[in-house]
PDB file of all heavy atoms in Angstrom:
ATOM      1  N   LYS A   1     -16.759   0.720  -3.894  1.00  0.00           N
ATOM      2  CA  LYS A   1     -15.847   1.395  -4.812  1.00  0.00           C
ATOM      3  C   LYS A   1     -14.410   1.014  -4.478  1.00  0.00           C
ATOM      4  O   LYS A   1     -13.882   1.414  -3.444  1.00  0.00           O
ATOM      5  CB  LYS A   1     -16.043   2.908  -4.719  1.00  0.00           C
ATOM      6  CG  LYS A   1     -17.429   3.372  -5.168  1.00  0.00           C
ATOM      7  CD  LYS A   1     -17.561   4.880  -5.093  1.00  0.00           C
ATOM      8  CE  LYS A   1     -18.938   5.324  -5.582  1.00  0.00           C
ATOM      9  NZ  LYS A   1     -19.100   6.787  -5.522  1.00  0.00           N
ATOM     10  N   PHE A   2     -13.812   0.247  -5.360  1.00  0.00           N
ATOM     11  CA  PHE A   2     -12.464  -0.253  -5.113  1.00  0.00           C
ATOM     12  C   PHE A   2     -11.600  -0.153  -6.362  1.00  0.00           C
ATOM     13  O   PHE A   2     -12.096  -0.047  -7.484  1.00  0.00           O
ATOM     14  CB  PHE A   2     -12.502  -1.722  -4.686  1.00  0.00           C
ATOM     15  CG  PHE A   2     -13.298  -2.005  -3.445  1.00  0.00           C
ATOM     16  CD1 PHE A   2     -14.563  -2.570  -3.528  1.00  0.00           C
ATOM     17  CD2 PHE A   2     -12.778  -1.696  -2.189  1.00  0.00           C
ATOM     18  CE1 PHE A   2     -15.300  -2.840  -2.383  1.00  0.00           C
ATOM     19  CE2 PHE A   2     -13.507  -1.951  -1.042  1.00  0.00           C
ATOM     20  CZ  PHE A   2     -14.776  -2.527  -1.141  1.00  0.00           C
ATOM     21  N   ILE A   3     -10.300  -0.232  -6.130  1.00  0.00           N
ATOM     22  CA  ILE A   3      -9.313  -0.400  -7.193  1.00  0.00           C
ATOM     23  C   ILE A   3      -8.642  -1.750  -6.969  1.00  0.00           C
ATOM     24  O   ILE A   3      -8.206  -2.053  -5.853  1.00  0.00           O
ATOM     25  CB  ILE A   3      -8.244   0.710  -7.174  1.00  0.00           C
ATOM     26  CG1 ILE A   3      -8.872   2.083  -7.429  1.00  0.00           C
ATOM     27  CG2 ILE A   3      -7.156   0.418  -8.210  1.00  0.00           C
ATOM     28  CD1 ILE A   3      -9.454   2.275  -8.806  1.00  0.00           C
ATOM     29  N   LEU A   4      -8.581  -2.542  -8.018  1.00  0.00           N
ATOM     30  CA  LEU A   4      -7.833  -3.801  -7.967  1.00  0.00           C
ATOM     31  C   LEU A   4      -6.449  -3.529  -8.545  1.00  0.00           C
ATOM     32  O   LEU A   4      -6.318  -3.013  -9.648  1.00  0.00           O
ATOM     33  CB  LEU A   4      -8.535  -4.884  -8.781  1.00  0.00           C
ATOM     34  CG  LEU A   4      -7.785  -6.219  -8.905  1.00  0.00           C
ATOM     35  CD1 LEU A   4      -7.680  -6.907  -7.547  1.00  0.00           C
ATOM     36  CD2 LEU A   4      -8.470  -7.131  -9.917  1.00  0.00           C
ATOM     37  N   VAL A   5      -5.428  -3.865  -7.771  1.00  0.00           N
ATOM     38  CA  VAL A   5      -4.048  -3.650  -8.197  1.00  0.00           C
ATOM     39  C   VAL A   5      -3.365  -5.010  -8.381  1.00  0.00           C
ATOM     40  O   VAL A   5      -3.400  -5.853  -7.482  1.00  0.00           O
ATOM     41  CB  VAL A   5      -3.255  -2.826  -7.162  1.00  0.00           C
ATOM     42  CG1 VAL A   5      -1.853  -2.534  -7.696  1.00  0.00           C
ATOM     43  CG2 VAL A   5      -3.981  -1.537  -6.821  1.00  0.00           C
ATOM     44  N   SER A   6      -2.798  -5.201  -9.553  1.00  0.00           N
ATOM     45  CA  SER A   6      -1.984  -6.384  -9.813  1.00  0.00           C
ATOM     46  C   SER A   6      -0.529  -5.952  -9.805  1.00  0.00           C
ATOM     47  O   SER A   6      -0.083  -5.213 -10.693  1.00  0.00           O
ATOM     48  CB  SER A   6      -2.353  -7.005 -11.167  1.00  0.00           C
ATOM     49  OG  SER A   6      -1.517  -8.110 -11.453  1.00  0.00           O
ATOM     50  N   SER A   7       0.202  -6.369  -8.784  1.00  0.00           N
ATOM     51  CA  SER A   7       1.563  -5.882  -8.565  1.00  0.00           C
ATOM     52  C   SER A   7       2.510  -7.064  -8.385  1.00  0.00           C
ATOM     53  O   SER A   7       2.606  -7.639  -7.291  1.00  0.00           O
ATOM     54  CB  SER A   7       1.580  -4.989  -7.310  1.00  0.00           C
ATOM     55  OG  SER A   7       2.837  -4.445  -7.081  1.00  0.00           O
ATOM     56  N   PRO A   8       3.212  -7.477  -9.453  1.00  0.00           N
ATOM     57  CA  PRO A   8       4.067  -8.672  -9.403  1.00  0.00           C
ATOM     58  C   PRO A   8       5.076  -8.624  -8.257  1.00  0.00           C
ATOM     59  O   PRO A   8       5.908  -7.717  -8.204  1.00  0.00           O
ATOM     60  CB  PRO A   8       4.788  -8.650 -10.754  1.00  0.00           C
ATOM     61  CG  PRO A   8       3.935  -7.805 -11.637  1.00  0.00           C
ATOM     62  CD  PRO A   8       3.313  -6.780 -10.758  1.00  0.00           C
ATOM     63  N   PRO A   9       5.014  -9.567  -7.337  1.00  0.00           N
ATOM     64  CA  PRO A   9       5.929  -9.557  -6.180  1.00  0.00           C
ATOM     65  C   PRO A   9       7.396  -9.581  -6.560  1.00  0.00           C
ATOM     66  O   PRO A   9       8.233  -9.048  -5.822  1.00  0.00           O
ATOM     67  CB  PRO A   9       5.541 -10.841  -5.420  1.00  0.00           C
ATOM     68  CG  PRO A   9       4.164 -11.170  -5.884  1.00  0.00           C
ATOM     69  CD  PRO A   9       4.083 -10.711  -7.302  1.00  0.00           C
ATOM     70  N   SER A  10       7.724 -10.165  -7.688  1.00  0.00           N
ATOM     71  CA  SER A  10       9.125 -10.247  -8.106  1.00  0.00           C
ATOM     72  C   SER A  10       9.634  -8.924  -8.682  1.00  0.00           C
ATOM     73  O   SER A  10      10.844  -8.724  -8.808  1.00  0.00           O
ATOM     74  CB  SER A  10       9.291 -11.350  -9.160  1.00  0.00           C
ATOM     75  OG  SER A  10       8.512 -11.065 -10.308  1.00  0.00           O
ATOM     76  N   LYS A  11       8.715  -8.017  -9.010  1.00  0.00           N
ATOM     77  CA  LYS A  11       9.091  -6.758  -9.649  1.00  0.00           C
ATOM     78  C   LYS A  11       8.830  -5.534  -8.773  1.00  0.00           C
ATOM     79  O   LYS A  11       9.505  -4.503  -8.921  1.00  0.00           O
ATOM     80  CB  LYS A  11       8.314  -6.583 -10.962  1.00  0.00           C
ATOM     81  CG  LYS A  11       8.516  -7.690 -11.979  1.00  0.00           C
ATOM     82  CD  LYS A  11       9.895  -7.627 -12.583  1.00  0.00           C
ATOM     83  CE  LYS A  11      10.030  -8.636 -13.734  1.00  0.00           C
ATOM     84  NZ  LYS A  11      11.373  -8.600 -14.361  1.00  0.00           N
ATOM     85  N   GLU A  12       7.850  -5.619  -7.874  1.00  0.00           N
ATOM     86  CA  GLU A  12       7.419  -4.454  -7.109  1.00  0.00           C
ATOM     87  C   GLU A  12       7.643  -4.637  -5.610  1.00  0.00           C
ATOM     88  O   GLU A  12       7.695  -5.761  -5.104  1.00  0.00           O
ATOM     89  CB  GLU A  12       5.944  -4.162  -7.385  1.00  0.00           C
ATOM     90  CG  GLU A  12       5.641  -3.791  -8.828  1.00  0.00           C
ATOM     91  CD  GLU A  12       6.255  -2.467  -9.234  1.00  0.00           C
ATOM     92  OE1 GLU A  12       6.524  -1.635  -8.346  1.00  0.00           O
ATOM     93  OE2 GLU A  12       6.473  -2.269 -10.449  1.00  0.00           O
ATOM     94  N   ASN A  13       7.708  -3.510  -4.927  1.00  0.00           N
ATOM     95  CA  ASN A  13       8.015  -3.486  -3.497  1.00  0.00           C
ATOM     96  C   ASN A  13       6.722  -3.577  -2.663  1.00  0.00           C
ATOM     97  O   ASN A  13       6.372  -2.651  -1.939  1.00  0.00           O
ATOM     98  CB  ASN A  13       8.771  -2.194  -3.164  1.00  0.00           C
ATOM     99  CG  ASN A  13       9.600  -2.318  -1.910  1.00  0.00           C
ATOM    100  OD1 ASN A  13       9.531  -3.311  -1.202  1.00  0.00           O
ATOM    101  ND2 ASN A  13      10.376  -1.292  -1.614  1.00  0.00           N
ATOM    102  N   ASN A  14       6.029  -4.708  -2.767  1.00  0.00           N
ATOM    103  CA  ASN A  14       4.714  -4.840  -2.143  1.00  0.00           C
ATOM    104  C   ASN A  14       4.765  -4.833  -0.615  1.00  0.00           C
ATOM    105  O   ASN A  14       3.864  -4.299   0.038  1.00  0.00           O
ATOM    106  CB  ASN A  14       4.034  -6.129  -2.617  1.00  0.00           C
ATOM    107  CG  ASN A  14       3.702  -6.077  -4.098  1.00  0.00           C
ATOM    108  OD1 ASN A  14       3.608  -5.000  -4.688  1.00  0.00           O
ATOM    109  ND2 ASN A  14       3.532  -7.226  -4.712  1.00  0.00           N
ATOM    110  N   THR A  15       5.799  -5.416  -0.060  1.00  0.00           N
ATOM    111  CA  THR A  15       5.923  -5.450   1.400  1.00  0.00           C
ATOM    112  C   THR A  15       6.037  -4.040   1.961  1.00  0.00           C
ATOM    113  O   THR A  15       5.402  -3.693   2.964  1.00  0.00           O
ATOM    114  CB  THR A  15       7.145  -6.286   1.823  1.00  0.00           C
ATOM    115  OG1 THR A  15       6.997  -7.625   1.335  1.00  0.00           O
ATOM    116  CG2 THR A  15       7.268  -6.319   3.344  1.00  0.00           C
ATOM    117  N   GLU A  16       6.841  -3.207   1.300  1.00  0.00           N
ATOM    118  CA  GLU A  16       6.998  -1.819   1.745  1.00  0.00           C
ATOM    119  C   GLU A  16       5.707  -1.037   1.554  1.00  0.00           C
ATOM    120  O   GLU A  16       5.393  -0.142   2.347  1.00  0.00           O
ATOM    121  CB  GLU A  16       8.135  -1.145   0.968  1.00  0.00           C
ATOM    122  CG  GLU A  16       9.517  -1.606   1.381  1.00  0.00           C
ATOM    123  CD  GLU A  16       9.832  -1.290   2.844  1.00  0.00           C
ATOM    124  OE1 GLU A  16       9.520  -0.171   3.293  1.00  0.00           O
ATOM    125  OE2 GLU A  16      10.368  -2.162   3.530  1.00  0.00           O
ATOM    126  N   TYR A  17       4.951  -1.369   0.517  1.00  0.00           N
ATOM    127  CA  TYR A  17       3.678  -0.682   0.291  1.00  0.00           C
ATOM    128  C   TYR A  17       2.737  -0.901   1.469  1.00  0.00           C
ATOM    129  O   TYR A  17       2.148   0.051   2.002  1.00  0.00           O
ATOM    130  CB  TYR A  17       3.017  -1.164  -1.002  1.00  0.00           C
ATOM    131  CG  TYR A  17       1.666  -0.522  -1.233  1.00  0.00           C
ATOM    132  CD1 TYR A  17       1.562   0.695  -1.887  1.00  0.00           C
ATOM    133  CD2 TYR A  17       0.492  -1.126  -0.773  1.00  0.00           C
ATOM    134  CE1 TYR A  17       0.329   1.308  -2.084  1.00  0.00           C
ATOM    135  CE2 TYR A  17      -0.738  -0.520  -0.960  1.00  0.00           C
ATOM    136  CZ  TYR A  17      -0.814   0.689  -1.621  1.00  0.00           C
ATOM    137  OH  TYR A  17      -2.038   1.291  -1.790  1.00  0.00           O
ATOM    138  N   ILE A  18       2.594  -2.150   1.872  1.00  0.00           N
ATOM    139  CA  ILE A  18       1.701  -2.475   2.983  1.00  0.00           C
ATOM    140  C   ILE A  18       2.189  -1.826   4.275  1.00  0.00           C
ATOM    141  O   ILE A  18       1.413  -1.218   5.026  1.00  0.00           O
ATOM    142  CB  ILE A  18       1.593  -4.003   3.167  1.00  0.00           C
ATOM    143  CG1 ILE A  18       0.872  -4.639   1.973  1.00  0.00           C
ATOM    144  CG2 ILE A  18       0.862  -4.343   4.459  1.00  0.00           C
ATOM    145  CD1 ILE A  18      -0.566  -4.178   1.802  1.00  0.00           C
ATOM    146  N   LYS A  19       3.476  -1.922   4.528  1.00  0.00           N
ATOM    147  CA  LYS A  19       4.037  -1.361   5.760  1.00  0.00           C
ATOM    148  C   LYS A  19       3.845   0.152   5.820  1.00  0.00           C
ATOM    149  O   LYS A  19       3.376   0.692   6.829  1.00  0.00           O
ATOM    150  CB  LYS A  19       5.531  -1.715   5.857  1.00  0.00           C
ATOM    151  CG  LYS A  19       6.181  -1.216   7.147  1.00  0.00           C
ATOM    152  CD  LYS A  19       7.649  -1.624   7.224  1.00  0.00           C
ATOM    153  CE  LYS A  19       8.504  -0.799   6.298  1.00  0.00           C
ATOM    154  NZ  LYS A  19       9.956  -1.080   6.452  1.00  0.00           N
ATOM    155  N   THR A  20       4.200   0.823   4.739  1.00  0.00           N
ATOM    156  CA  THR A  20       4.101   2.282   4.728  1.00  0.00           C
ATOM    157  C   THR A  20       2.648   2.732   4.746  1.00  0.00           C
ATOM    158  O   THR A  20       2.308   3.738   5.377  1.00  0.00           O
ATOM    159  CB  THR A  20       4.826   2.861   3.494  1.00  0.00           C
ATOM    160  OG1 THR A  20       6.169   2.362   3.466  1.00  0.00           O
ATOM    161  CG2 THR A  20       4.853   4.374   3.538  1.00  0.00           C
ATOM    162  N   SER A  21       1.784   2.002   4.070  1.00  0.00           N
ATOM    163  CA  SER A  21       0.353   2.318   4.078  1.00  0.00           C
ATOM    164  C   SER A  21      -0.194   2.319   5.501  1.00  0.00           C
ATOM    165  O   SER A  21      -0.922   3.229   5.916  1.00  0.00           O
ATOM    166  CB  SER A  21      -0.414   1.304   3.222  1.00  0.00           C
ATOM    167  OG  SER A  21      -1.806   1.510   3.342  1.00  0.00           O
ATOM    168  N   LYS A  22       0.158   1.315   6.262  1.00  0.00           N
ATOM    169  CA  LYS A  22      -0.309   1.216   7.650  1.00  0.00           C
ATOM    170  C   LYS A  22       0.214   2.374   8.497  1.00  0.00           C
ATOM    171  O   LYS A  22      -0.513   2.930   9.325  1.00  0.00           O
ATOM    172  CB  LYS A  22       0.127  -0.123   8.256  1.00  0.00           C
ATOM    173  CG  LYS A  22      -0.605  -1.333   7.686  1.00  0.00           C
ATOM    174  CD  LYS A  22      -0.084  -2.625   8.299  1.00  0.00           C
ATOM    175  CE  LYS A  22      -0.836  -3.829   7.768  1.00  0.00           C
ATOM    176  NZ  LYS A  22      -0.296  -5.105   8.318  1.00  0.00           N
ATOM    177  N   LEU A  23       1.476   2.735   8.290  1.00  0.00           N
ATOM    178  CA  LEU A  23       2.075   3.815   9.067  1.00  0.00           C
ATOM    179  C   LEU A  23       1.474   5.178   8.707  1.00  0.00           C
ATOM    180  O   LEU A  23       1.174   5.984   9.587  1.00  0.00           O
ATOM    181  CB  LEU A  23       3.591   3.830   8.850  1.00  0.00           C
ATOM    182  CG  LEU A  23       4.354   2.667   9.485  1.00  0.00           C
ATOM    183  CD1 LEU A  23       5.798   2.640   8.993  1.00  0.00           C
ATOM    184  CD2 LEU A  23       4.330   2.767  11.003  1.00  0.00           C
ATOM    185  N   PHE A  24       1.292   5.423   7.420  1.00  0.00           N
ATOM    186  CA  PHE A  24       0.661   6.678   6.987  1.00  0.00           C
ATOM    187  C   PHE A  24      -0.757   6.783   7.540  1.00  0.00           C
ATOM    188  O   PHE A  24      -1.183   7.851   8.005  1.00  0.00           O
ATOM    189  CB  PHE A  24       0.637   6.760   5.459  1.00  0.00           C
ATOM    190  CG  PHE A  24       1.915   7.263   4.846  1.00  0.00           C
ATOM    191  CD1 PHE A  24       3.118   7.221   5.534  1.00  0.00           C
ATOM    192  CD2 PHE A  24       1.929   7.771   3.558  1.00  0.00           C
ATOM    193  CE1 PHE A  24       4.294   7.688   4.974  1.00  0.00           C
ATOM    194  CE2 PHE A  24       3.092   8.231   2.974  1.00  0.00           C
ATOM    195  CZ  PHE A  24       4.285   8.189   3.681  1.00  0.00           C
ATOM    196  N   PHE A  25      -1.483   5.685   7.444  1.00  0.00           N
ATOM    197  CA  PHE A  25      -2.864   5.656   7.936  1.00  0.00           C
ATOM    198  C   PHE A  25      -2.903   5.896   9.448  1.00  0.00           C
ATOM    199  O   PHE A  25      -3.769   6.609   9.962  1.00  0.00           O
ATOM    200  CB  PHE A  25      -3.506   4.308   7.598  1.00  0.00           C
ATOM    201  CG  PHE A  25      -4.989   4.246   7.850  1.00  0.00           C
ATOM    202  CD1 PHE A  25      -5.888   4.756   6.927  1.00  0.00           C
ATOM    203  CD2 PHE A  25      -5.484   3.678   9.015  1.00  0.00           C
ATOM    204  CE1 PHE A  25      -7.258   4.708   7.158  1.00  0.00           C
ATOM    205  CE2 PHE A  25      -6.851   3.626   9.260  1.00  0.00           C
ATOM    206  CZ  PHE A  25      -7.738   4.142   8.318  1.00  0.00           C
ATOM    207  N   LYS A  26      -1.945   5.327  10.143  1.00  0.00           N
ATOM    208  CA  LYS A  26      -1.896   5.441  11.596  1.00  0.00           C
ATOM    209  C   LYS A  26      -1.734   6.881  12.059  1.00  0.00           C
ATOM    210  O   LYS A  26      -2.320   7.292  13.069  1.00  0.00           O
ATOM    211  CB  LYS A  26      -0.743   4.593  12.147  1.00  0.00           C
ATOM    212  CG  LYS A  26      -0.632   4.592  13.673  1.00  0.00           C
ATOM    213  CD  LYS A  26       0.498   3.684  14.136  1.00  0.00           C
ATOM    214  CE  LYS A  26       0.609   3.686  15.651  1.00  0.00           C
ATOM    215  NZ  LYS A  26       1.709   2.782  16.115  1.00  0.00           N
ATOM    216  N   ILE A  27      -0.961   7.676  11.318  1.00  0.00           N
ATOM    217  CA  ILE A  27      -0.739   9.056  11.747  1.00  0.00           C
ATOM    218  C   ILE A  27      -1.796  10.019  11.182  1.00  0.00           C
ATOM    219  O   ILE A  27      -1.748  11.219  11.431  1.00  0.00           O
ATOM    220  CB  ILE A  27       0.670   9.563  11.375  1.00  0.00           C
ATOM    221  CG1 ILE A  27       0.854   9.670   9.866  1.00  0.00           C
ATOM    222  CG2 ILE A  27       1.743   8.687  12.001  1.00  0.00           C
ATOM    223  CD1 ILE A  27       2.144  10.361   9.457  1.00  0.00           C
ATOM    224  N   GLY A  28      -2.744   9.477  10.406  1.00  0.00           N
ATOM    225  CA  GLY A  28      -3.866  10.301   9.978  1.00  0.00           C
ATOM    226  C   GLY A  28      -3.800  10.875   8.578  1.00  0.00           C
ATOM    227  O   GLY A  28      -4.574  11.775   8.250  1.00  0.00           O
ATOM    228  N   LEU A  29      -2.902  10.365   7.741  1.00  0.00           N
ATOM    229  CA  LEU A  29      -2.855  10.813   6.352  1.00  0.00           C
ATOM    230  C   LEU A  29      -3.873  10.039   5.522  1.00  0.00           C
ATOM    231  O   LEU A  29      -4.242   8.912   5.869  1.00  0.00           O
ATOM    232  CB  LEU A  29      -1.457  10.610   5.770  1.00  0.00           C
ATOM    233  CG  LEU A  29      -0.329  11.438   6.391  1.00  0.00           C
ATOM    234  CD1 LEU A  29       1.000  11.072   5.758  1.00  0.00           C
ATOM    235  CD2 LEU A  29      -0.590  12.928   6.248  1.00  0.00           C
ATOM    236  N   SER A  30      -4.333  10.659   4.435  1.00  0.00           N
ATOM    237  CA  SER A  30      -5.299  10.000   3.557  1.00  0.00           C
ATOM    238  C   SER A  30      -4.569   9.147   2.522  1.00  0.00           C
ATOM    239  O   SER A  30      -4.048   9.669   1.525  1.00  0.00           O
ATOM    240  CB  SER A  30      -6.181  11.033   2.852  1.00  0.00           C
ATOM    241  OG  SER A  30      -7.134  11.582   3.732  1.00  0.00           O
ATOM    242  N   VAL A  31      -4.509   7.868   2.783  1.00  0.00           N
ATOM    243  CA  VAL A  31      -3.984   6.907   1.815  1.00  0.00           C
ATOM    244  C   VAL A  31      -5.098   5.897   1.539  1.00  0.00           C
ATOM    245  O   VAL A  31      -5.980   5.713   2.370  1.00  0.00           O
ATOM    246  CB  VAL A  31      -2.724   6.188   2.357  1.00  0.00           C
ATOM    247  CG1 VAL A  31      -1.570   7.168   2.526  1.00  0.00           C
ATOM    248  CG2 VAL A  31      -3.018   5.475   3.673  1.00  0.00           C
ATOM    249  N   PRO A  32      -5.084   5.250   0.375  1.00  0.00           N
ATOM    250  CA  PRO A  32      -6.149   4.293   0.077  1.00  0.00           C
ATOM    251  C   PRO A  32      -6.182   3.151   1.104  1.00  0.00           C
ATOM    252  O   PRO A  32      -5.170   2.487   1.337  1.00  0.00           O
ATOM    253  CB  PRO A  32      -5.761   3.763  -1.314  1.00  0.00           C
ATOM    254  CG  PRO A  32      -4.903   4.823  -1.899  1.00  0.00           C
ATOM    255  CD  PRO A  32      -4.141   5.402  -0.746  1.00  0.00           C
TER     256      PRO A  32
END
């Protein structure tokens, strides 16, 4: 069960998404 996300690098903040996702996950929050 997955979601495919198409997020244009020139328009969206993809680097921050990955970074923040890892940090949220690390402290135990439920993020995808």
